[in-house]
C-alpha cells in the first residue's frame, strides 16, 4: 500500500496517558466507553491510551484491574494500558501492588490528595505509599486540588472549590513529599500558572494561563499533554442541579472530529507554527515523552524499524471548527464548540492498518492490545539511582 504524504508531516501516533472510559473517580459511568472513546481517539491521531482503573474503597485492586482489562479487550479499537488508582492505603494492599507490577505490567499508581473522607490520603500514608512504590520502580500519579484548608472553612468534602493558590499548594506538597523520599512524581491535570510554575521550579530552577502552559510545554518544563477524557451527558450532569457538589466530574476531549486532535484543540500546533514549538517538540509532548515516561519507548512514540506501526499523516494547513455535530463522542454537546483548529489528521495507521482516511473510520471493537509496562523506567529512575548513590556517599562521609 502506498499513501501519498507530500506536503504533510509523518509523525508517530499520539499517546493519551489519562483517560477514564469505564468509570470516573466518583464511580459514575461515562457515556463514552472503551469503544466510543478509542474510536474517537483514533480519528484524532491518538493510537494508544492509558486508562484509569478506579476501584471502590475496599475493593480488590487486582479484581478491579481484571474487570477493566476484560472490558478493554472486548471494546478497545486501539492499543491501551492501565494505571491503577489506590483509593485507600493500608499494609495489606502491598501484596496486590506487587502482583500488579510483576504479573500485570502496571508501572503507575494514582494517589489522591482530594475527595476527603473517600480517597484522600494523609501525609503519613503518602510517605508510606511513596517508599513502597519507589521500591517497586513505579510512578506515583497525583490527583491534586487539596481540600484540607477548604474543609474546615466551608464544610465541603470534595474538590468542589478550586483556586490556583490551592492547586499550587497541593503541587508543592506532592513535589516536597516526592523529593523527601526520592520517588518520581507525575502531576496530572495542571490547570493554573502558579501550579505549573511550582513544577517548573522543581524541575530546574503575566501571560494568559493557556499561553503560559504552552510555553512550559515548549521548553520541556511540562512534558506531556493528556485528555482526562471522561464524558457525561446533560442528564448525568443534571444530577447536580440542586447540589453542585454531586455533579460528576469530567468532560469530552478525545473528540475525533474529522481529524481534530486534543493537541491542536489546545493550540499546540498553532503555537508551533508561530515559533513557540517546532514539529519535534510537538511530537515529543503528544507521543514520545509519554512513551519514555511509561517505559514503552521505542515500541511506541517513534517511527523506526521494530517499533509498532502507529503513524499519523498530518496536514499543517488544515483548518477546522469544532462542533458537537461532527465529533465521535455520543455526547450532545462539546465544551470546545466553535474553537478553530489549525492543522489536522489526514491518515491514521494503527498497528500497520489504516484506520482513518478520507474522513472515514475503519475500526473494530476489540482490535486493541493491552501494552504491558515494565517498572523502573529510565526516564525517571536513572536520576533516582544517581541521587541514591549521592546520598549514600554523603552518609558515608559524615558517619
Protein backbone atom coordinates (compact mmCIF):
# COMPACT_ATOMS: atom_id res chain seq x y z
CA UNK A 1 0.00 0.00 0.00
CA UNK A 2 1.22 3.49 -0.90
CA UNK A 3 -0.12 6.55 0.95
CA UNK A 4 0.50 9.98 -0.54
CA UNK A 5 2.02 12.28 2.10
CA UNK A 6 3.60 15.05 0.03
CA UNK A 7 3.41 18.38 1.83
CA UNK A 8 2.36 16.74 5.07
CA UNK A 9 4.12 15.66 8.28
CA UNK A 10 4.59 11.94 9.03
CA UNK A 11 4.64 11.58 12.81
CA UNK A 12 4.21 8.85 15.47
CA UNK A 13 0.69 8.18 16.67
CA UNK A 14 -0.33 10.14 19.75
CA UNK A 15 -0.46 8.60 23.23
CA UNK A 16 -3.18 9.81 25.59
CA UNK A 17 -1.92 8.94 29.06
CA UNK A 18 -5.01 9.98 31.02
CA UNK A 19 -8.48 8.68 30.14
CA UNK A 20 -11.48 7.46 32.17
CA UNK A 21 -13.58 5.39 29.77
CA UNK A 22 -15.17 2.98 32.24
CA UNK A 23 -15.67 4.91 35.45
CA UNK A 24 -14.79 8.34 36.74
CA UNK A 25 -13.13 8.98 40.11
CA UNK A 26 -16.54 9.16 41.83
CA UNK A 27 -17.67 5.91 40.16
CA UNK A 28 -20.19 7.41 37.71
CA UNK A 29 -20.34 5.58 34.36
CA UNK A 30 -19.23 7.82 31.43
CA UNK A 31 -21.27 7.74 28.23
CA UNK A 32 -18.13 7.20 26.13
CA UNK A 33 -16.93 3.64 26.80
CA UNK A 34 -13.78 1.92 25.54
CA UNK A 35 -15.27 1.50 22.06
CA UNK A 36 -16.54 5.07 21.59
CA UNK A 37 -13.58 6.68 23.35
CA UNK A 38 -10.88 4.80 21.43
CA UNK A 39 -12.75 5.25 18.15
CA UNK A 40 -12.71 9.00 18.75
CA UNK A 41 -9.06 8.82 19.78
CA UNK A 42 -8.04 7.13 16.53
CA UNK A 43 -9.91 9.71 14.47
CA UNK A 44 -7.86 12.42 16.16
CA UNK A 45 -4.48 10.72 15.64
CA UNK A 46 -4.20 9.07 19.07
CA UNK A 47 -3.19 5.42 18.64
CA UNK A 48 -2.79 4.42 22.29
CA UNK A 49 -4.47 5.35 25.57
CA UNK A 50 -3.71 4.67 29.23
CA UNK A 51 -6.97 4.42 31.16
CA UNK A 52 -7.51 4.68 34.91
CA UNK A 53 -8.68 1.68 36.91
CA UNK A 54 -10.69 3.23 39.76
CA UNK A 55 -11.51 0.61 42.42
CA UNK A 56 -14.07 1.42 45.06
CA UNK A 57 -12.78 1.71 48.65
CA UNK A 58 -12.42 -1.83 49.99
CA UNK A 59 -12.46 -3.45 46.54
CA UNK A 60 -9.55 -5.65 45.44
CA UNK A 61 -7.17 -3.72 43.16
CA UNK A 62 -6.42 -6.88 41.24
CA UNK A 63 -10.09 -7.72 40.66
CA UNK A 64 -10.78 -4.16 39.50
CA UNK A 65 -7.80 -4.32 37.12
CA UNK A 66 -9.01 -7.58 35.60
CA UNK A 67 -12.52 -6.14 35.18
CA UNK A 68 -11.10 -3.12 33.33
CA UNK A 69 -8.86 -5.29 31.17
CA UNK A 70 -11.73 -7.57 30.18
CA UNK A 71 -13.83 -4.58 29.12
CA UNK A 72 -10.98 -3.00 27.18
CA UNK A 73 -10.02 -6.27 25.47
CA UNK A 74 -13.59 -6.57 24.22
CA UNK A 75 -14.19 -2.97 23.13
CA UNK A 76 -10.95 -1.03 22.61
CA UNK A 77 -10.17 -0.13 18.99
CA UNK A 78 -6.59 0.92 19.71
CA UNK A 79 -3.78 -0.30 21.94
CA UNK A 80 -4.15 0.53 25.59
CA UNK A 81 -2.57 0.21 29.01
CA UNK A 82 -3.87 0.82 32.53
CA UNK A 83 -2.97 2.95 35.54
CA UNK A 84 -4.37 1.74 38.86
CA UNK A 85 -5.81 4.23 41.37
CA UNK A 86 -5.24 3.47 45.05
CA UNK A 87 -8.38 4.52 46.96
CA UNK A 88 -7.02 3.60 50.40
CA UNK A 89 -3.59 2.85 51.85
CA UNK A 90 -3.07 0.00 54.30
CA UNK A 91 -0.43 -2.65 54.91
CA UNK A 92 -2.46 -5.43 53.29
CA UNK A 93 -2.52 -3.65 49.93
CA UNK A 94 1.18 -4.21 49.29
CA UNK A 95 0.82 -7.80 48.08
CA UNK A 96 -1.67 -6.74 45.41
CA UNK A 97 0.57 -3.87 44.30
CA UNK A 98 3.49 -6.27 43.86
CA UNK A 99 1.32 -8.63 41.84
CA UNK A 100 0.08 -5.85 39.58
CA UNK A 101 3.66 -4.77 38.88
CA UNK A 102 5.24 -8.19 38.46
CA UNK A 103 2.43 -10.06 36.71
CA UNK A 104 0.13 -7.47 35.10
CA UNK A 105 2.51 -4.92 33.59
CA UNK A 106 1.50 -1.87 35.65
CA UNK A 107 4.09 0.83 36.35
CA UNK A 108 1.98 3.73 37.61
CA UNK A 109 -0.42 4.16 40.51
CA UNK A 110 -2.55 7.20 41.28
CA UNK A 111 -2.76 8.57 44.83
CA UNK A 112 -5.27 11.17 45.98
CA UNK A 113 -4.96 14.49 47.77
CA UNK A 114 -8.65 15.15 47.12
CA UNK A 115 -12.05 13.58 47.83
CA UNK A 116 -11.86 13.88 51.61
CA UNK A 117 -13.39 11.00 53.59
CA UNK A 118 -13.36 8.84 50.47
CA UNK A 119 -9.91 8.64 48.78
CA UNK A 120 -7.81 11.42 50.30
CA UNK A 121 -4.63 10.16 52.00
CA UNK A 122 -2.86 11.67 54.97
CA UNK A 123 0.76 12.77 54.65
CA UNK A 124 1.92 9.73 56.64
CA UNK A 125 0.02 7.44 54.27
CA UNK A 126 1.53 9.22 51.29
CA UNK A 127 5.04 8.75 52.75
CA UNK A 128 4.40 5.02 53.20
CA UNK A 129 3.00 4.71 49.68
CA UNK A 130 5.95 6.61 48.20
CA UNK A 131 8.54 4.45 49.92
CA UNK A 132 6.88 1.21 48.85
CA UNK A 133 6.08 2.23 45.26
CA UNK A 134 9.62 3.54 44.78
CA UNK A 135 10.98 0.09 45.71
CA UNK A 136 8.72 -1.37 43.01
CA UNK A 137 10.03 1.08 40.40
CA UNK A 138 6.74 2.91 39.95
CA UNK A 139 5.46 6.34 39.03
CA UNK A 140 3.29 7.99 41.70
CA UNK A 141 0.47 9.87 39.99
CA UNK A 142 -1.23 12.61 41.94
CA UNK A 143 -4.84 13.71 41.77
CA UNK A 144 -4.45 17.15 43.31
CA UNK A 145 -6.58 20.08 44.50
CA UNK A 146 -6.04 19.91 48.23
CA UNK A 147 -9.14 20.25 50.40
CA UNK A 148 -7.75 20.40 53.92
CA UNK A 149 -7.77 24.18 54.09
CA UNK A 150 -11.21 24.37 52.47
CA UNK A 151 -12.91 21.71 54.51
CA UNK A 152 -12.80 23.46 57.87
CA UNK A 153 -13.82 26.80 56.37
CA UNK A 154 -16.60 25.75 54.00
CA UNK A 155 -17.63 22.34 55.27
CA UNK A 156 -17.17 20.82 51.81
CA UNK A 157 -15.98 17.23 51.48
CA UNK A 158 -14.95 17.09 47.82
CA UNK A 159 -12.99 19.10 45.27
CA UNK A 160 -15.96 21.37 44.66
CA UNK A 161 -13.98 24.59 45.06
CA UNK A 162 -10.78 25.24 43.13
CA UNK A 163 -8.37 28.16 43.14
CA UNK A 164 -4.91 28.49 41.58
CA UNK A 165 -3.45 29.04 45.04
CA UNK A 166 -4.88 25.78 46.39
CA UNK A 167 -3.67 23.87 43.33
CA UNK A 168 -0.18 25.32 43.71
CA UNK A 169 -0.16 24.41 47.41
CA UNK A 170 -1.11 20.81 46.57
CA UNK A 171 1.55 20.57 43.86
CA UNK A 172 4.18 21.93 46.25
CA UNK A 173 3.22 19.34 48.89
CA UNK A 174 3.36 16.49 46.35
CA UNK A 175 6.74 17.60 45.00
CA UNK A 176 8.12 18.04 48.53
CA UNK A 177 6.99 14.56 49.57
CA UNK A 178 8.48 13.08 46.39
CA UNK A 179 11.82 14.82 46.98
CA UNK A 180 11.91 13.70 50.59
CA UNK A 181 11.53 10.05 49.59
CA UNK A 182 13.38 10.44 46.26
CA UNK A 183 10.42 8.97 44.41
CA UNK A 184 9.31 10.04 40.90
CA UNK A 185 6.07 12.02 40.93
CA UNK A 186 3.73 12.56 37.97
CA UNK A 187 1.43 15.57 38.43
CA UNK A 188 -1.75 15.35 36.38
CA UNK A 189 -4.41 17.93 35.42
CA UNK A 190 -2.24 21.03 35.79
CA UNK A 191 -4.65 23.94 35.27
CA UNK A 192 -3.01 27.10 36.62
CA UNK A 193 0.10 29.20 36.09
CA UNK A 194 1.01 29.05 39.75
CA UNK A 195 0.89 25.24 39.87
CA UNK A 196 2.82 24.95 36.60
CA UNK A 197 5.49 27.31 37.93
CA UNK A 198 5.92 25.14 41.05
CA UNK A 199 6.60 22.16 38.76
CA UNK A 200 8.94 24.18 36.56
CA UNK A 201 10.90 25.41 39.58
CA UNK A 202 11.15 21.88 40.95
CA UNK A 203 12.48 20.61 37.61
CA UNK A 204 15.17 23.29 37.19
CA UNK A 205 15.06 26.37 38.87
CA UNK A 206 1.85 37.73 33.05
CA UNK A 207 0.74 35.81 30.14
CA UNK A 208 -2.61 34.07 29.88
CA UNK A 209 -2.75 30.63 31.50
CA UNK A 210 -3.06 28.59 28.23
CA UNK A 211 -0.21 30.55 26.65
CA UNK A 212 1.91 30.11 29.78
CA UNK A 213 1.27 26.34 29.86
CA UNK A 214 2.16 26.09 26.17
CA UNK A 215 5.43 27.90 26.87
CA UNK A 216 6.30 25.40 29.61
CA UNK A 217 5.47 22.51 27.27
CA UNK A 218 7.63 24.05 24.57
CA UNK A 219 10.66 24.40 26.85
CA UNK A 220 10.23 20.96 28.47
CA UNK A 221 9.19 22.00 31.98
CA UNK A 222 5.86 20.29 31.32
CA UNK A 223 6.34 17.12 29.29
CA UNK A 224 3.03 15.55 28.25
CA UNK A 225 -0.39 16.64 27.07
CA UNK A 226 -3.26 14.30 28.03
CA UNK A 227 -7.04 14.48 27.86
CA UNK A 228 -8.54 13.13 31.13
CA UNK A 229 -11.45 12.22 28.83
CA UNK A 230 -14.45 11.29 30.97
CA UNK A 231 -17.68 12.20 29.21
CA UNK A 232 -21.02 12.71 30.97
CA UNK A 233 -24.31 13.52 29.26
CA UNK A 234 -26.52 16.51 30.03
CA UNK A 235 -28.88 14.29 32.02
CA UNK A 236 -25.98 12.92 34.08
CA UNK A 237 -24.69 16.42 34.79
CA UNK A 238 -28.23 17.46 35.77
CA UNK A 239 -27.95 15.27 38.87
CA UNK A 240 -26.17 18.21 40.47
CA UNK A 241 -28.80 20.81 39.60
CA UNK A 242 -29.80 21.24 43.23
CA UNK A 243 -26.35 20.45 44.69
CA UNK A 244 -23.36 21.27 42.50
CA UNK A 245 -21.06 19.07 44.61
CA UNK A 246 -22.84 15.98 43.22
CA UNK A 247 -22.11 16.82 39.56
CA UNK A 248 -20.00 14.02 38.06
CA UNK A 249 -16.57 15.40 37.16
CA UNK A 250 -15.47 15.02 33.57
CA UNK A 251 -15.63 16.36 30.04
CA UNK A 252 -15.03 15.22 26.46
CA UNK A 253 -11.54 15.60 24.99
CA UNK A 254 -10.93 12.56 22.73
CA UNK A 255 -13.11 14.26 20.15
CA UNK A 256 -12.09 12.66 16.89
CA UNK A 257 -13.83 15.42 14.99
CA UNK A 258 -12.80 14.76 11.40
CA UNK A 259 -9.16 14.56 12.45
CA UNK A 260 -9.24 17.38 15.01
CA UNK A 261 -6.98 16.28 17.86
CA UNK A 262 -6.64 17.16 21.51
CA UNK A 263 -3.25 18.75 20.86
CA UNK A 264 -4.47 21.10 18.14
CA UNK A 265 -7.58 21.85 20.19
CA UNK A 266 -5.20 23.09 22.88
CA UNK A 267 -3.46 25.23 20.25
CA UNK A 268 -0.12 23.44 20.41
CA UNK A 269 0.48 23.09 16.70
CA UNK A 270 -0.79 26.60 16.01
CA UNK A 271 1.77 27.84 18.52
CA UNK A 272 4.49 25.74 16.94
CA UNK A 273 3.97 27.45 13.61
CA UNK A 274 4.36 30.77 15.44
CA UNK A 275 7.80 29.76 16.70
CA UNK A 276 6.90 28.55 20.20
CA UNK A 277 7.13 24.83 19.47
CA UNK A 278 8.70 23.11 16.47
CA UNK A 279 7.49 19.85 14.96
CA UNK A 280 9.93 17.74 17.02
CA UNK A 281 8.71 19.20 20.31
CA UNK A 282 5.10 18.80 19.16
CA UNK A 283 5.75 15.09 18.62
CA UNK A 284 7.54 14.89 21.97
CA UNK A 285 4.67 16.26 24.07
CA UNK A 286 1.98 14.29 22.20
CA UNK A 287 3.77 10.93 21.90
CA UNK A 288 7.48 10.38 22.53
CA UNK A 289 7.72 11.78 26.07
CA UNK A 290 4.75 9.69 27.21
CA UNK A 291 6.33 6.56 25.71
CA UNK A 292 9.59 7.23 27.56
CA UNK A 293 7.94 8.15 30.86
CA UNK A 294 5.83 4.98 30.93
CA UNK A 295 8.56 2.67 29.61
CA UNK A 296 7.05 1.73 26.25
CA UNK A 297 9.67 3.51 24.10
CA UNK A 298 10.80 2.74 21.39
CA UNK A 299 7.88 0.37 20.82
CA UNK A 300 5.64 3.45 20.93
CA UNK A 301 6.44 7.11 20.33
CA UNK A 302 8.82 6.52 17.41
CA UNK A 303 8.76 5.68 13.71
CA UNK A 304 11.52 3.12 13.18
CA UNK A 305 12.11 -0.49 12.21
CA UNK A 306 10.93 -2.67 15.09
CA UNK A 307 8.56 -0.07 16.53
CA UNK A 308 4.79 -0.54 16.33
CA UNK A 309 3.43 0.86 13.08
CA UNK A 310 1.37 3.63 14.70
CA UNK A 311 1.67 6.53 12.27
CA UNK A 312 -0.19 9.77 11.63
CA UNK A 313 -0.09 11.85 8.46
CA UNK A 314 -0.70 15.45 9.49
CA UNK A 315 -1.75 18.34 7.25
CA UNK A 316 -0.32 21.57 8.73
CA UNK A 317 -2.61 23.70 6.54
CA UNK A 318 -5.89 22.06 7.51
CA UNK A 319 -8.36 24.38 9.28
CA UNK A 320 -11.47 23.15 11.13
CA UNK A 321 -14.03 24.41 13.60
CA UNK A 322 -15.05 22.12 16.46
CA UNK A 323 -18.72 21.24 16.70
CA UNK A 324 -20.69 18.55 18.51
CA UNK A 325 -22.47 17.80 15.22
CA UNK A 326 -19.31 16.14 13.88
CA UNK A 327 -17.46 14.68 16.86
CA UNK A 328 -17.23 10.93 17.53
CA UNK A 329 -18.41 11.17 21.15
CA UNK A 330 -22.03 10.28 21.93
CA UNK A 331 -22.35 13.50 23.96
CA UNK A 332 -24.95 16.05 22.91
CA UNK A 333 -22.51 18.93 23.47
CA UNK A 334 -18.84 19.81 23.06
CA UNK A 335 -17.07 22.02 25.59
CA UNK A 336 -14.81 23.35 22.80
CA UNK A 337 -17.71 24.26 20.48
CA UNK A 338 -16.69 26.90 17.94
CA UNK A 339 -12.93 26.65 18.52
CA UNK A 340 -10.94 26.94 15.29
CA UNK A 341 -8.18 24.34 14.89
CA UNK A 342 -5.11 24.77 12.70
CA UNK A 343 -3.50 21.61 11.35
CA UNK A 344 -5.16 18.21 11.38
CA UNK A 345 -5.06 14.49 10.76
CA UNK A 346 -5.35 13.12 7.22
CA UNK A 347 -4.49 9.44 7.71
CA UNK A 348 -4.08 7.32 10.85
CA UNK A 349 -2.32 3.95 10.84
CA UNK A 350 -2.69 1.74 13.92
CA UNK A 351 -0.58 -1.44 14.17
CA UNK A 352 0.03 -1.28 10.43
CA UNK A 353 -3.65 -0.94 9.48
CA UNK A 354 -5.20 2.22 8.04
CA UNK A 355 -8.00 3.09 10.48
CA UNK A 356 -8.76 6.66 9.38
CA UNK A 357 -8.65 8.02 5.83
CA UNK A 358 -10.76 10.41 3.76
CA UNK A 359 -12.53 11.44 6.98
CA UNK A 360 -13.80 7.87 7.40
CA UNK A 361 -13.11 5.50 10.31
CA UNK A 362 -12.42 1.80 9.76
CA UNK A 363 -12.28 0.32 13.26
CA UNK A 364 -13.24 -2.87 15.04
CA UNK A 365 -14.05 -3.22 18.76
CA UNK A 366 -11.51 -5.43 20.48
CA UNK A 367 -8.76 -4.76 17.93
CA UNK A 368 -6.58 -3.02 20.51
CA UNK A 369 -3.97 -4.89 22.54
CA UNK A 370 -3.00 -4.44 26.16
CA UNK A 371 0.51 -2.98 26.38
CA UNK A 372 2.42 -4.22 29.42
CA UNK A 373 4.82 -1.72 31.01
CA UNK A 374 7.96 -2.67 32.87
CA UNK A 375 8.90 -0.98 36.17
CA UNK A 376 11.91 1.32 36.72
CA UNK A 377 11.59 3.48 33.57
CA UNK A 378 14.96 5.06 32.76
CA UNK A 379 13.28 8.43 32.22
CA UNK A 380 12.85 8.74 35.99
CA UNK A 381 14.90 6.07 37.69
CA UNK A 382 18.29 6.90 36.15
CA UNK A 383 18.13 10.10 38.18
CA UNK A 384 16.65 8.34 41.20
CA UNK A 385 19.52 5.82 41.28
CA UNK A 386 22.06 8.63 40.89
CA UNK A 387 20.54 10.55 43.81
CA UNK A 388 20.57 7.39 45.91
CA UNK A 389 24.29 6.95 45.22
CA UNK A 390 24.98 10.59 46.13
CA UNK A 391 23.01 10.28 49.37
CA UNK A 392 24.83 7.05 50.25
CA UNK A 393 28.22 8.73 49.73
CA UNK A 394 27.16 11.70 51.87
CA UNK A 395 26.13 9.36 54.68
CA UNK A 396 29.49 7.58 54.50
CA UNK A 397 31.39 10.87 54.63
CA UNK A 398 29.51 12.03 57.71
CA UNK A 399 29.36 8.69 59.52
